Amino acid sequence: MVQQCNPGSAAYIHLQTDTNIFQRIFVCFEAQKRGFLEGCKPFIGIDGCHLKGPYGGVILSAVALDANSGLYPLAYCICEGETLLSWSWFLRQLCCFLKYPEDRPI
């Protein structure tokens, strides 16, 4: 639905291999990507926050700094826990989706 309503956006769902049970989701909208590439400083901050409630889990987020040094939300991931595997999956999806120019350092 994200891709239908926001063409060019990314919403990737990862399921556990054997059971097809939800494990994590990555979401980044095309407008956020374009805004970062065209108007933000070359900086990405990442952080995770534990979710309280019956399902638990963690939300991982990536933010940038806009021209006024304000926080600019870039992408988020809801996952099973704050593990090396979930962080690496989130950052890999972010890197692939952004297609950031290699000649500009972050």
C-alpha atoms as a PDB file:
ATOM      1  CA  MET A   1       0.000   0.000   0.000  1.00  0.00           C
ATOM      2  CA  VAL A   2       2.911   2.356   0.750  1.00  0.00           C
ATOM      3  CA  GLN A   3       4.279   1.884  -2.757  1.00  0.00           C
ATOM      4  CA  GLN A   4       0.844   2.372  -4.360  1.00  0.00           C
ATOM      5  CA  CYS A   5       0.132   5.641  -2.527  1.00  0.00           C
ATOM      6  CA  ASN A   6       3.725   6.946  -2.608  1.00  0.00           C
ATOM      7  CA  PRO A   7       5.423   5.870  -5.848  1.00  0.00           C
ATOM      8  CA  GLY A   8       9.156   5.357  -5.466  1.00  0.00           C
ATOM      9  CA  SER A   9       8.902   4.708  -1.714  1.00  0.00           C
ATOM     10  CA  ALA A  10      10.221   1.583  -0.028  1.00  0.00           C
ATOM     11  CA  ALA A  11       8.433  -0.771   2.344  1.00  0.00           C
ATOM     12  CA  TYR A  12      10.273  -4.058   2.707  1.00  0.00           C
ATOM     13  CA  ILE A  13       8.959  -6.804   4.961  1.00  0.00           C
ATOM     14  CA  HIS A  14      11.235  -9.614   6.107  1.00  0.00           C
ATOM     15  CA  LEU A  15       9.690 -12.868   7.302  1.00  0.00           C
ATOM     16  CA  GLN A  16      11.295 -15.683   9.280  1.00  0.00           C
ATOM     17  CA  THR A  17      12.483 -18.245   6.770  1.00  0.00           C
ATOM     18  CA  ASP A  18      10.895 -21.435   8.076  1.00  0.00           C
ATOM     19  CA  THR A  19       7.603 -20.144   9.448  1.00  0.00           C
ATOM     20  CA  ASN A  20       6.755 -17.026   7.375  1.00  0.00           C
ATOM     21  CA  ILE A  21       6.198 -15.093  10.615  1.00  0.00           C
ATOM     22  CA  PHE A  22       6.777 -11.323  10.551  1.00  0.00           C
ATOM     23  CA  GLN A  23      10.276 -10.396  11.688  1.00  0.00           C
ATOM     24  CA  ARG A  24      10.972  -6.817  10.530  1.00  0.00           C
ATOM     25  CA  ILE A  25       9.845  -4.014   8.222  1.00  0.00           C
ATOM     26  CA  PHE A  26      11.789  -1.142   6.641  1.00  0.00           C
ATOM     27  CA  VAL A  27       9.989   2.046   5.539  1.00  0.00           C
ATOM     28  CA  CYS A  28      11.375   5.088   3.727  1.00  0.00           C
ATOM     29  CA  PHE A  29       9.314   7.452   1.597  1.00  0.00           C
ATOM     30  CA  GLU A  30      10.494   8.882  -1.717  1.00  0.00           C
ATOM     31  CA  ALA A  31       9.969  12.452  -0.447  1.00  0.00           C
ATOM     32  CA  GLN A  32      12.250  11.757   2.527  1.00  0.00           C
ATOM     33  CA  LYS A  33      14.918  10.324   0.237  1.00  0.00           C
ATOM     34  CA  ARG A  34      14.726  13.259  -2.169  1.00  0.00           C
ATOM     35  CA  GLY A  35      14.771  15.790   0.671  1.00  0.00           C
ATOM     36  CA  PHE A  36      17.861  14.194   2.171  1.00  0.00           C
ATOM     37  CA  LEU A  37      19.757  14.004  -1.109  1.00  0.00           C
ATOM     38  CA  GLU A  38      18.850  17.546  -2.194  1.00  0.00           C
ATOM     39  CA  GLY A  39      18.742  19.586   0.990  1.00  0.00           C
ATOM     40  CA  CYS A  40      20.325  17.942   4.025  1.00  0.00           C
ATOM     41  CA  LYS A  41      23.812  17.947   5.422  1.00  0.00           C
ATOM     42  CA  PRO A  42      25.839  14.779   4.694  1.00  0.00           C
ATOM     43  CA  PHE A  43      25.141  13.288   8.115  1.00  0.00           C
ATOM     44  CA  ILE A  44      22.993  10.344   9.190  1.00  0.00           C
ATOM     45  CA  GLY A  45      22.273   9.597  12.827  1.00  0.00           C
ATOM     46  CA  ILE A  46      20.905   6.226  13.858  1.00  0.00           C
ATOM     47  CA  ASP A  47      19.261   5.072  17.078  1.00  0.00           C
ATOM     48  CA  GLY A  48      16.987   2.398  18.447  1.00  0.00           C
ATOM     49  CA  CYS A  49      14.134   2.522  20.945  1.00  0.00           C
ATOM     50  CA  HIS A  50      12.457  -0.404  22.677  1.00  0.00           C
ATOM     51  CA  LEU A  51       8.714  -0.656  22.105  1.00  0.00           C
ATOM     52  CA  LYS A  52       6.532  -1.242  25.149  1.00  0.00           C
ATOM     53  CA  GLY A  53       3.340  -3.229  24.829  1.00  0.00           C
ATOM     54  CA  PRO A  54       2.150  -6.756  24.198  1.00  0.00           C
ATOM     55  CA  TYR A  55       4.307  -7.311  21.090  1.00  0.00           C
ATOM     56  CA  GLY A  56       7.573  -5.676  22.147  1.00  0.00           C
ATOM     57  CA  GLY A  57      10.318  -5.228  19.621  1.00  0.00           C
ATOM     58  CA  VAL A  58      12.465  -2.262  18.699  1.00  0.00           C
ATOM     59  CA  ILE A  59      12.105   0.669  16.327  1.00  0.00           C
ATOM     60  CA  LEU A  60      15.336   1.612  14.580  1.00  0.00           C
ATOM     61  CA  SER A  61      15.499   5.035  12.975  1.00  0.00           C
ATOM     62  CA  ALA A  62      17.776   7.061  10.730  1.00  0.00           C
ATOM     63  CA  VAL A  63      17.693  10.852  10.831  1.00  0.00           C
ATOM     64  CA  ALA A  64      19.606  13.578   9.033  1.00  0.00           C
ATOM     65  CA  LEU A  65      20.244  17.265   9.672  1.00  0.00           C
ATOM     66  CA  ASP A  66      18.435  19.778   7.464  1.00  0.00           C
ATOM     67  CA  ALA A  67      19.801  23.199   6.448  1.00  0.00           C
ATOM     68  CA  ASN A  68      18.726  24.704   9.811  1.00  0.00           C
ATOM     69  CA  SER A  69      20.394  21.850  11.767  1.00  0.00           C
ATOM     70  CA  GLY A  70      16.973  20.437  12.603  1.00  0.00           C
ATOM     71  CA  LEU A  71      16.278  16.710  12.672  1.00  0.00           C
ATOM     72  CA  TYR A  72      15.016  15.324   9.395  1.00  0.00           C
ATOM     73  CA  PRO A  73      13.440  11.834   9.614  1.00  0.00           C
ATOM     74  CA  LEU A  74      14.852   9.586   6.937  1.00  0.00           C
ATOM     75  CA  ALA A  75      13.780   5.973   7.509  1.00  0.00           C
ATOM     76  CA  TYR A  76      12.622   3.570  10.182  1.00  0.00           C
ATOM     77  CA  CYS A  77      12.516  -0.139  10.847  1.00  0.00           C
ATOM     78  CA  ILE A  78      10.378  -2.105  13.289  1.00  0.00           C
ATOM     79  CA  CYS A  79      12.145  -5.314  14.218  1.00  0.00           C
ATOM     80  CA  GLU A  80      12.345  -8.153  16.704  1.00  0.00           C
ATOM     81  CA  GLY A  81      15.230  -6.773  18.760  1.00  0.00           C
ATOM     82  CA  GLU A  82      18.297  -4.571  18.748  1.00  0.00           C
ATOM     83  CA  THR A  83      20.719  -7.139  17.372  1.00  0.00           C
ATOM     84  CA  LEU A  84      23.644  -7.034  14.982  1.00  0.00           C
ATOM     85  CA  LEU A  85      21.510  -8.851  12.411  1.00  0.00           C
ATOM     86  CA  SER A  86      18.592  -6.399  12.601  1.00  0.00           C
ATOM     87  CA  TRP A  87      20.891  -3.345  12.524  1.00  0.00           C
ATOM     88  CA  SER A  88      22.845  -4.668   9.557  1.00  0.00           C
ATOM     89  CA  TRP A  89      19.603  -5.484   7.698  1.00  0.00           C
ATOM     90  CA  PHE A  90      18.234  -1.980   8.382  1.00  0.00           C
ATOM     91  CA  LEU A  91      21.436  -0.224   7.283  1.00  0.00           C
ATOM     92  CA  ARG A  92      21.745  -2.415   4.179  1.00  0.00           C
ATOM     93  CA  GLN A  93      18.171  -1.549   3.140  1.00  0.00           C
ATOM     94  CA  LEU A  94      18.851   2.144   3.792  1.00  0.00           C
ATOM     95  CA  CYS A  95      22.053   2.093   1.757  1.00  0.00           C
ATOM     96  CA  CYS A  96      20.423   0.285  -1.168  1.00  0.00           C
ATOM     97  CA  PHE A  97      17.385   2.565  -1.191  1.00  0.00           C
ATOM     98  CA  LEU A  98      19.263   5.876  -0.896  1.00  0.00           C
ATOM     99  CA  LYS A  99      21.789   5.160  -3.658  1.00  0.00           C
ATOM    100  CA  TYR A 100      23.917   7.937  -2.143  1.00  0.00           C
ATOM    101  CA  PRO A 101      26.594   9.249  -4.554  1.00  0.00           C
ATOM    102  CA  GLU A 102      29.975   7.677  -3.792  1.00  0.00           C
ATOM    103  CA  ASP A 103      31.829  10.918  -4.531  1.00  0.00           C
ATOM    104  CA  ARG A 104      30.096  12.680  -1.583  1.00  0.00           C
ATOM    105  CA  PRO A 105      31.202  11.512   1.878  1.00  0.00           C
ATOM    106  CA  ILE A 106      28.661  10.909   4.654  1.00  0.00           C
END
